[in-house]
PDB file of N, CA and C in Angstrom:
ATOM      1  N   UNK A   1       0.854  -1.310   0.065  1.00  0.00           N
ATOM      2  CA  UNK A   1       0.347   0.013  -0.231  1.00  0.00           C
ATOM      3  C   UNK A   1       1.139   1.190  -0.261  1.00  0.00           C
ATOM      4  N   UNK A   2       0.656   2.340  -0.626  1.00  0.00           N
ATOM      5  CA  UNK A   2       1.359   3.546  -1.008  1.00  0.00           C
ATOM      6  C   UNK A   2       1.000   4.584   0.306  1.00  0.00           C
ATOM      7  N   UNK A   3       1.738   5.183   0.293  1.00  0.00           N
ATOM      8  CA  UNK A   3       0.913   6.006   1.702  1.00  0.00           C
ATOM      9  C   UNK A   3       0.590   7.505   0.538  1.00  0.00           C
ATOM     10  N   UNK A   4      -0.445   7.758   1.951  1.00  0.00           N
ATOM     11  CA  UNK A   4      -1.580   9.151   1.841  1.00  0.00           C
ATOM     12  C   UNK A   4      -0.309  10.149   0.720  1.00  0.00           C
ATOM     13  N   UNK A   5       1.188  10.269   2.042  1.00  0.00           N
ATOM     14  CA  UNK A   5       1.384  11.291   1.324  1.00  0.00           C
ATOM     15  C   UNK A   5       1.855  11.577   0.753  1.00  0.00           C
ATOM     16  N   UNK A   6       2.331  10.262  -1.057  1.00  0.00           N
ATOM     17  CA  UNK A   6       2.814  10.450  -1.648  1.00  0.00           C
ATOM     18  C   UNK A   6       1.788  10.136  -2.477  1.00  0.00           C
ATOM     19  N   UNK A   7       0.224  10.544  -2.597  1.00  0.00           N
ATOM     20  CA  UNK A   7      -0.472  10.627  -3.423  1.00  0.00           C
ATOM     21  C   UNK A   7      -0.974  12.090  -3.551  1.00  0.00           C
ATOM     22  N   UNK A   8      -1.064  12.313  -2.460  1.00  0.00           N
ATOM     23  CA  UNK A   8      -1.174  13.818  -2.719  1.00  0.00           C
ATOM     24  C   UNK A   8      -0.191  14.628  -2.443  1.00  0.00           C
ATOM     25  N   UNK A   9       0.918  14.330  -2.765  1.00  0.00           N
ATOM     26  CA  UNK A   9       2.069  15.059  -4.267  1.00  0.00           C
ATOM     27  C   UNK A   9       2.496  14.711  -5.247  1.00  0.00           C
ATOM     28  N   UNK A  10       1.734  13.604  -5.436  1.00  0.00           N
ATOM     29  CA  UNK A  10       1.359  13.329  -6.765  1.00  0.00           C
ATOM     30  C   UNK A  10       2.579  12.340  -7.570  1.00  0.00           C
ATOM     31  N   UNK A  11       3.360  11.618  -6.744  1.00  0.00           N
ATOM     32  CA  UNK A  11       4.185  11.269  -6.783  1.00  0.00           C
ATOM     33  C   UNK A  11       3.878   9.309  -7.407  1.00  0.00           C
ATOM     34  N   UNK A  12       2.534   9.014  -6.695  1.00  0.00           N
ATOM     35  CA  UNK A  12       1.835   8.111  -7.107  1.00  0.00           C
ATOM     36  C   UNK A  12       1.194   7.898  -8.279  1.00  0.00           C
ATOM     37  N   UNK A  13       0.691   9.130  -8.408  1.00  0.00           N
ATOM     38  CA  UNK A  13      -0.173   9.517  -9.743  1.00  0.00           C
ATOM     39  C   UNK A  13       1.117   9.764 -10.780  1.00  0.00           C
ATOM     40  N   UNK A  14       1.486  10.281 -10.973  1.00  0.00           N
ATOM     41  CA  UNK A  14       2.718   9.973 -12.431  1.00  0.00           C
ATOM     42  C   UNK A  14       3.238   8.413 -12.595  1.00  0.00           C
ATOM     43  N   UNK A  15       3.712   8.186 -11.105  1.00  0.00           N
ATOM     44  CA  UNK A  15       3.862   6.582 -11.567  1.00  0.00           C
ATOM     45  C   UNK A  15       2.888   5.705 -12.034  1.00  0.00           C
ATOM     46  N   UNK A  16       2.078   6.209 -11.647  1.00  0.00           N
ATOM     47  CA  UNK A  16       0.747   4.940 -12.405  1.00  0.00           C
ATOM     48  C   UNK A  16       0.315   5.785 -13.906  1.00  0.00           C
ATOM     49  N   UNK A  17       0.366   7.100 -14.442  1.00  0.00           N
ATOM     50  CA  UNK A  17       0.422   7.093 -15.293  1.00  0.00           C
ATOM     51  C   UNK A  17       1.340   6.889 -16.427  1.00  0.00           C
ATOM     52  N   UNK A  18       2.767   7.078 -15.948  1.00  0.00           N
ATOM     53  CA  UNK A  18       3.666   6.555 -16.942  1.00  0.00           C
ATOM     54  C   UNK A  18       3.837   5.174 -17.353  1.00  0.00           C
ATOM     55  N   UNK A  19       3.401   4.447 -16.055  1.00  0.00           N
ATOM     56  CA  UNK A  19       3.062   3.161 -16.806  1.00  0.00           C
ATOM     57  C   UNK A  19       2.330   2.222 -17.982  1.00  0.00           C
ATOM     58  N   UNK A  20       1.215   3.958 -18.140  1.00  0.00           N
ATOM     59  CA  UNK A  20       0.007   3.157 -18.505  1.00  0.00           C
ATOM     60  C   UNK A  20       0.976   4.339 -19.725  1.00  0.00           C
ATOM     61  N   UNK A  21       1.325   3.652 -20.971  1.00  0.00           N
ATOM     62  CA  UNK A  21       1.768   4.423 -22.204  1.00  0.00           C
ATOM     63  C   UNK A  21       1.334   4.573 -23.537  1.00  0.00           C
ATOM     64  N   UNK A  22       1.095   4.975 -24.601  1.00  0.00           N
ATOM     65  CA  UNK A  22      -0.275   4.907 -25.564  1.00  0.00           C
ATOM     66  C   UNK A  22       0.548   4.048 -26.466  1.00  0.00           C
ATOM     67  N   UNK A  23       1.203   3.067 -26.925  1.00  0.00           N
ATOM     68  CA  UNK A  23       1.685   2.175 -27.543  1.00  0.00           C
ATOM     69  C   UNK A  23       1.788   1.078 -26.576  1.00  0.00           C
ATOM     70  N   UNK A  24       1.158   1.207 -25.444  1.00  0.00           N
ATOM     71  CA  UNK A  24       0.742  -0.106 -24.466  1.00  0.00           C
ATOM     72  C   UNK A  24      -0.835  -0.210 -24.342  1.00  0.00           C
ATOM     73  N   UNK A  25      -1.561   1.145 -24.714  1.00  0.00           N
ATOM     74  CA  UNK A  25      -3.254   0.665 -24.413  1.00  0.00           C
ATOM     75  C   UNK A  25      -3.432   0.403 -26.023  1.00  0.00           C
ATOM     76  N   UNK A  26      -2.414   1.172 -27.046  1.00  0.00           N
ATOM     77  CA  UNK A  26      -3.593   1.391 -28.282  1.00  0.00           C
ATOM     78  C   UNK A  26      -4.117   2.472 -29.061  1.00  0.00           C
ATOM     79  N   UNK A  27      -5.329   2.842 -27.534  1.00  0.00           N
ATOM     80  CA  UNK A  27      -5.803   3.897 -28.958  1.00  0.00           C
ATOM     81  C   UNK A  27      -6.491   4.992 -27.805  1.00  0.00           C
ATOM     82  N   UNK A  28      -5.943   6.189 -27.814  1.00  0.00           N
ATOM     83  CA  UNK A  28      -5.899   7.516 -27.800  1.00  0.00           C
ATOM     84  C   UNK A  28      -7.361   7.959 -26.451  1.00  0.00           C
ATOM     85  N   UNK A  29      -8.428   7.189 -26.681  1.00  0.00           N
ATOM     86  CA  UNK A  29     -10.060   6.897 -26.132  1.00  0.00           C
ATOM     87  C   UNK A  29      -9.263   6.185 -24.404  1.00  0.00           C
ATOM     88  N   UNK A  30      -8.503   5.423 -24.764  1.00  0.00           N
ATOM     89  CA  UNK A  30      -8.585   4.346 -22.980  1.00  0.00           C
ATOM     90  C   UNK A  30      -7.913   4.996 -22.554  1.00  0.00           C
ATOM     91  N   UNK A  31      -7.095   5.214 -23.683  1.00  0.00           N
ATOM     92  CA  UNK A  31      -5.230   6.240 -21.938  1.00  0.00           C
ATOM     93  C   UNK A  31      -5.867   6.828 -21.879  1.00  0.00           C
ATOM     94  N   UNK A  32      -6.605   8.504 -22.363  1.00  0.00           N
ATOM     95  CA  UNK A  32      -7.240   9.286 -21.492  1.00  0.00           C
ATOM     96  C   UNK A  32      -8.515   8.698 -20.653  1.00  0.00           C
ATOM     97  N   UNK A  33      -9.108   7.657 -21.409  1.00  0.00           N
ATOM     98  CA  UNK A  33     -10.452   7.841 -19.930  1.00  0.00           C
ATOM     99  C   UNK A  33      -9.647   6.658 -18.823  1.00  0.00           C
ATOM    100  N   UNK A  34      -8.749   6.206 -18.912  1.00  0.00           N
ATOM    101  CA  UNK A  34      -7.847   5.490 -17.830  1.00  0.00           C
ATOM    102  C   UNK A  34      -7.002   6.098 -17.333  1.00  0.00           C
ATOM    103  N   UNK A  35      -6.469   7.281 -17.638  1.00  0.00           N
ATOM    104  CA  UNK A  35      -5.887   8.654 -17.154  1.00  0.00           C
ATOM    105  C   UNK A  35      -7.511   9.406 -16.270  1.00  0.00           C
ATOM    106  N   UNK A  36      -8.235   9.968 -16.890  1.00  0.00           N
ATOM    107  CA  UNK A  36      -9.092  10.464 -15.706  1.00  0.00           C
ATOM    108  C   UNK A  36      -9.874   9.224 -15.005  1.00  0.00           C
ATOM    109  N   UNK A  37      -9.697   8.154 -14.714  1.00  0.00           N
ATOM    110  CA  UNK A  37     -10.251   7.452 -14.005  1.00  0.00           C
ATOM    111  C   UNK A  37      -9.190   7.440 -12.848  1.00  0.00           C
ATOM    112  N   UNK A  38      -8.080   7.334 -12.995  1.00  0.00           N
ATOM    113  CA  UNK A  38      -6.698   6.942 -11.605  1.00  0.00           C
ATOM    114  C   UNK A  38      -6.636   8.601 -11.224  1.00  0.00           C
ATOM    115  N   UNK A  39      -6.817   9.588 -12.249  1.00  0.00           N
ATOM    116  CA  UNK A  39      -6.865  11.128 -11.290  1.00  0.00           C
ATOM    117  C   UNK A  39      -8.234  10.813 -10.619  1.00  0.00           C
ATOM    118  N   UNK A  40      -9.180  10.862 -10.675  1.00  0.00           N
ATOM    119  CA  UNK A  40     -10.259  10.995  -9.858  1.00  0.00           C
ATOM    120  C   UNK A  40     -10.490   9.669  -8.628  1.00  0.00           C
ATOM    121  N   UNK A  41      -9.925   8.563  -8.656  1.00  0.00           N
ATOM    122  CA  UNK A  41      -9.553   7.675  -8.309  1.00  0.00           C
ATOM    123  C   UNK A  41      -9.157   8.195  -6.628  1.00  0.00           C
ATOM    124  N   UNK A  42      -7.730   8.600  -7.305  1.00  0.00           N
ATOM    125  CA  UNK A  42      -6.721   9.025  -5.943  1.00  0.00           C
ATOM    126  C   UNK A  42      -7.646  10.240  -5.741  1.00  0.00           C
ATOM    127  N   UNK A  43      -7.423  11.102  -6.334  1.00  0.00           N
ATOM    128  CA  UNK A  43      -8.885  12.517  -5.779  1.00  0.00           C
ATOM    129  C   UNK A  43      -9.433  12.314  -4.710  1.00  0.00           C
ATOM    130  N   UNK A  44     -10.410  11.262  -4.502  1.00  0.00           N
ATOM    131  CA  UNK A  44     -11.932  10.862  -4.222  1.00  0.00           C
ATOM    132  C   UNK A  44     -11.636  10.325  -3.353  1.00  0.00           C
ATOM    133  N   UNK A  45     -10.449   8.938  -3.260  1.00  0.00           N
ATOM    134  CA  UNK A  45      -9.703   8.353  -2.016  1.00  0.00           C
ATOM    135  C   UNK A  45      -8.581   8.733  -0.612  1.00  0.00           C
ATOM    136  N   UNK A  46      -8.053  10.593  -1.541  1.00  0.00           N
ATOM    137  CA  UNK A  46      -7.180  11.226  -0.726  1.00  0.00           C
ATOM    138  C   UNK A  46      -8.744  12.107   0.368  1.00  0.00           C
ATOM    139  N   UNK A  47      -9.629  12.134  -0.315  1.00  0.00           N
ATOM    140  CA  UNK A  47     -11.411  13.260   0.081  1.00  0.00           C
ATOM    141  C   UNK A  47     -11.663  11.894   0.940  1.00  0.00           C
ATOM    142  N   UNK A  48     -11.487  11.141   0.771  1.00  0.00           N
ATOM    143  CA  UNK A  48     -12.330  10.337   1.908  1.00  0.00           C
ATOM    144  C   UNK A  48     -11.692   9.953   2.869  1.00  0.00           C
ATOM    145  N   UNK A  49      -9.762   9.703   2.719  1.00  0.00           N
ATOM    146  CA  UNK A  49      -9.199   9.742   3.924  1.00  0.00           C
ATOM    147  C   UNK A  49      -9.647  10.613   5.082  1.00  0.00           C
ATOM    148  N   UNK A  50      -9.331  11.681   4.693  1.00  0.00           N
ATOM    149  CA  UNK A  50      -8.668  13.042   5.214  1.00  0.00           C
ATOM    150  C   UNK A  50     -10.398  12.972   6.240  1.00  0.00           C
ATOM    151  N   UNK A  51     -11.859  12.227   5.145  1.00  0.00           N
ATOM    152  CA  UNK A  51     -12.977  12.801   5.321  1.00  0.00           C
ATOM    153  C   UNK A  51     -13.276  11.878   6.962  1.00  0.00           C
ATOM    154  N   UNK A  52     -13.109  10.163   6.781  1.00  0.00           N
ATOM    155  CA  UNK A  52     -12.366  10.236   8.206  1.00  0.00           C
ATOM    156  C   UNK A  52     -11.700  10.238   9.547  1.00  0.00           C
ATOM    157  N   UNK A  53     -10.644  10.702   8.718  1.00  0.00           N
ATOM    158  CA  UNK A  53      -9.862  11.355  10.078  1.00  0.00           C
ATOM    159  C   UNK A  53     -10.348  12.158  10.535  1.00  0.00           C
ATOM    160  N   UNK A  54     -11.474  13.506   9.733  1.00  0.00           N
ATOM    161  CA  UNK A  54     -11.715  14.575  10.566  1.00  0.00           C
ATOM    162  C   UNK A  54     -13.175  14.135  11.979  1.00  0.00           C
ATOM    163  N   UNK A  55     -13.648  12.943  10.501  1.00  0.00           N
ATOM    164  CA  UNK A  55     -14.350  12.088  12.494  1.00  0.00           C
ATOM    165  C   UNK A  55     -14.219  12.051  13.136  1.00  0.00           C
ATOM    166  N   UNK A  56     -13.212  11.189  12.856  1.00  0.00           N
ATOM    167  CA  UNK A  56     -12.852  10.168  14.254  1.00  0.00           C
ATOM    168  C   UNK A  56     -12.214  10.979  15.660  1.00  0.00           C
ATOM    169  N   UNK A  57     -11.715  12.330  14.166  1.00  0.00           N
ATOM    170  CA  UNK A  57     -11.037  13.282  15.534  1.00  0.00           C
ATOM    171  C   UNK A  57     -12.540  14.039  16.860  1.00  0.00           C
ATOM    172  N   UNK A  58     -13.424  14.473  15.568  1.00  0.00           N
ATOM    173  CA  UNK A  58     -15.231  14.727  15.609  1.00  0.00           C
ATOM    174  C   UNK A  58     -15.697  14.185  16.968  1.00  0.00           C
ATOM    175  N   UNK A  59     -15.531  12.619  17.043  1.00  0.00           N
ATOM    176  CA  UNK A  59     -16.489  12.200  17.990  1.00  0.00           C
ATOM    177  C   UNK A  59     -15.177  11.916  19.100  1.00  0.00           C
ATOM    178  N   UNK A  60     -14.060  11.647  18.354  1.00  0.00           N
ATOM    179  CA  UNK A  60     -13.042  11.243  19.729  1.00  0.00           C
ATOM    180  C   UNK A  60     -13.219  12.907  20.498  1.00  0.00           C
ATOM    181  N   UNK A  61     -13.463  13.791  20.494  1.00  0.00           N
ATOM    182  CA  UNK A  61     -13.511  15.744  20.399  1.00  0.00           C
ATOM    183  C   UNK A  61     -14.949  15.039  21.743  1.00  0.00           C
ATOM    184  N   UNK A  62     -16.286  15.069  21.240  1.00  0.00           N
ATOM    185  CA  UNK A  62     -17.747  14.610  21.547  1.00  0.00           C
ATOM    186  C   UNK A  62     -17.432  13.754  22.357  1.00  0.00           C
ATOM    187  N   UNK A  63     -16.945  12.450  22.298  1.00  0.00           N
ATOM    188  CA  UNK A  63     -16.665  11.871  23.690  1.00  0.00           C
ATOM    189  C   UNK A  63     -16.053  12.567  24.814  1.00  0.00           C
ATOM    190  N   UNK A  64     -15.143  12.973  24.782  1.00  0.00           N
ATOM    191  CA  UNK A  64     -14.835  13.462  25.740  1.00  0.00           C
ATOM    192  C   UNK A  64     -15.127  14.869  26.352  1.00  0.00           C
ATOM    193  N   UNK A  65     -15.536  15.922  25.760  1.00  0.00           N
ATOM    194  CA  UNK A  65     -16.876  16.197  25.556  1.00  0.00           C
ATOM    195  C   UNK A  65     -17.890  16.329  26.617  1.00  0.00           C
ATOM    196  N   UNK A  66     -18.644  15.478  27.465  1.00  0.00           N
ATOM    197  CA  UNK A  66     -19.280  14.148  27.650  1.00  0.00           C
ATOM    198  C   UNK A  66     -19.240  13.823  27.886  1.00  0.00           C
ATOM    199  N   UNK A  67     -18.290  13.348  29.129  1.00  0.00           N
ATOM    200  CA  UNK A  67     -17.262  12.524  30.007  1.00  0.00           C
ATOM    201  C   UNK A  67     -17.534  13.837  31.099  1.00  0.00           C
ATOM    202  N   UNK A  68     -16.745  14.823  30.705  1.00  0.00           N
ATOM    203  CA  UNK A  68     -16.177  15.724  30.815  1.00  0.00           C
ATOM    204  C   UNK A  68     -17.654  17.115  32.155  1.00  0.00           C
ATOM    205  N   UNK A  69     -18.178  17.431  30.995  1.00  0.00           N
ATOM    206  CA  UNK A  69     -19.862  17.482  31.373  1.00  0.00           C
ATOM    207  C   UNK A  69     -20.255  16.419  32.454  1.00  0.00           C
ATOM    208  N   UNK A  70     -20.584  15.403  32.385  1.00  0.00           N
ATOM    209  CA  UNK A  70     -21.321  14.415  33.381  1.00  0.00           C
ATOM    210  C   UNK A  70     -19.901  14.399  34.894  1.00  0.00           C
ATOM    211  N   UNK A  71     -18.748  14.545  33.858  1.00  0.00           N
ATOM    212  CA  UNK A  71     -17.673  14.711  35.522  1.00  0.00           C
ATOM    213  C   UNK A  71     -18.098  16.037  36.179  1.00  0.00           C
ATOM    214  N   UNK A  72     -18.216  16.985  36.130  1.00  0.00           N
ATOM    215  CA  UNK A  72     -18.201  18.367  36.007  1.00  0.00           C
ATOM    216  C   UNK A  72     -19.856  18.502  36.889  1.00  0.00           C
ATOM    217  N   UNK A  73     -21.021  17.496  36.724  1.00  0.00           N
ATOM    218  CA  UNK A  73     -22.204  17.885  37.158  1.00  0.00           C
ATOM    219  C   UNK A  73     -21.977  16.722  38.621  1.00  0.00           C
ATOM    220  N   UNK A  74     -21.513  15.340  38.134  1.00  0.00           N
ATOM    221  CA  UNK A  74     -20.948  14.832  39.515  1.00  0.00           C
ATOM    222  C   UNK A  74     -20.986  15.579  40.781  1.00  0.00           C
ATOM    223  N   UNK A  75     -19.094  16.574  40.038  1.00  0.00           N
ATOM    224  CA  UNK A  75     -18.387  16.716  41.511  1.00  0.00           C
ATOM    225  C   UNK A  75     -18.892  17.852  41.780  1.00  0.00           C
ATOM    226  N   UNK A  76     -19.984  18.950  41.599  1.00  0.00           N
ATOM    227  CA  UNK A  76     -21.100  19.766  41.795  1.00  0.00           C
ATOM    228  C   UNK A  76     -22.064  20.025  42.325  1.00  0.00           C
ATOM    229  N   UNK A  77     -22.335  18.555  42.451  1.00  0.00           N
ATOM    230  CA  UNK A  77     -23.493  16.837  43.033  1.00  0.00           C
ATOM    231  C   UNK A  77     -22.626  17.349  44.666  1.00  0.00           C
ATOM    232  N   UNK A  78     -21.238  16.651  44.447  1.00  0.00           N
ATOM    233  CA  UNK A  78     -20.893  16.505  45.564  1.00  0.00           C
ATOM    234  C   UNK A  78     -20.034  17.741  46.368  1.00  0.00           C
ATOM    235  N   UNK A  79     -20.192  18.510  46.011  1.00  0.00           N
ATOM    236  CA  UNK A  79     -19.901  19.456  46.921  1.00  0.00           C
ATOM    237  C   UNK A  79     -20.486  20.641  46.795  1.00  0.00           C
ATOM    238  N   UNK A  80     -21.610  20.105  47.080  1.00  0.00           N
ATOM    239  CA  UNK A  80     -23.225  20.539  47.338  1.00  0.00           C
ATOM    240  C   UNK A  80     -24.102  19.323  48.782  1.00  0.00           C
ATOM    241  N   UNK A  81     -23.451  18.738  48.955  1.00  0.00           N
ATOM    242  CA  UNK A  81     -23.670  17.829  50.102  1.00  0.00           C
ATOM    243  C   UNK A  81     -23.017  18.122  51.194  1.00  0.00           C
TER     244      UNK A  81
END
């Protein structure tokens, strides 16, 4: 599996597109379709992975905030006794 950083900087895309050459494909329409497909795939993969990471951070933040609020309420009740 390739690193996400190499995909973001374009290294993996360049290597993949360089491996698909005109003389191997034979048809220019297939060549351009494959290039567009690879670029769209890497773009969507990058966006999806970043969205998953953001959601992991958001859900962990929510869990921490709820536990903090519950702890503060319990401490306030203990102090009022």
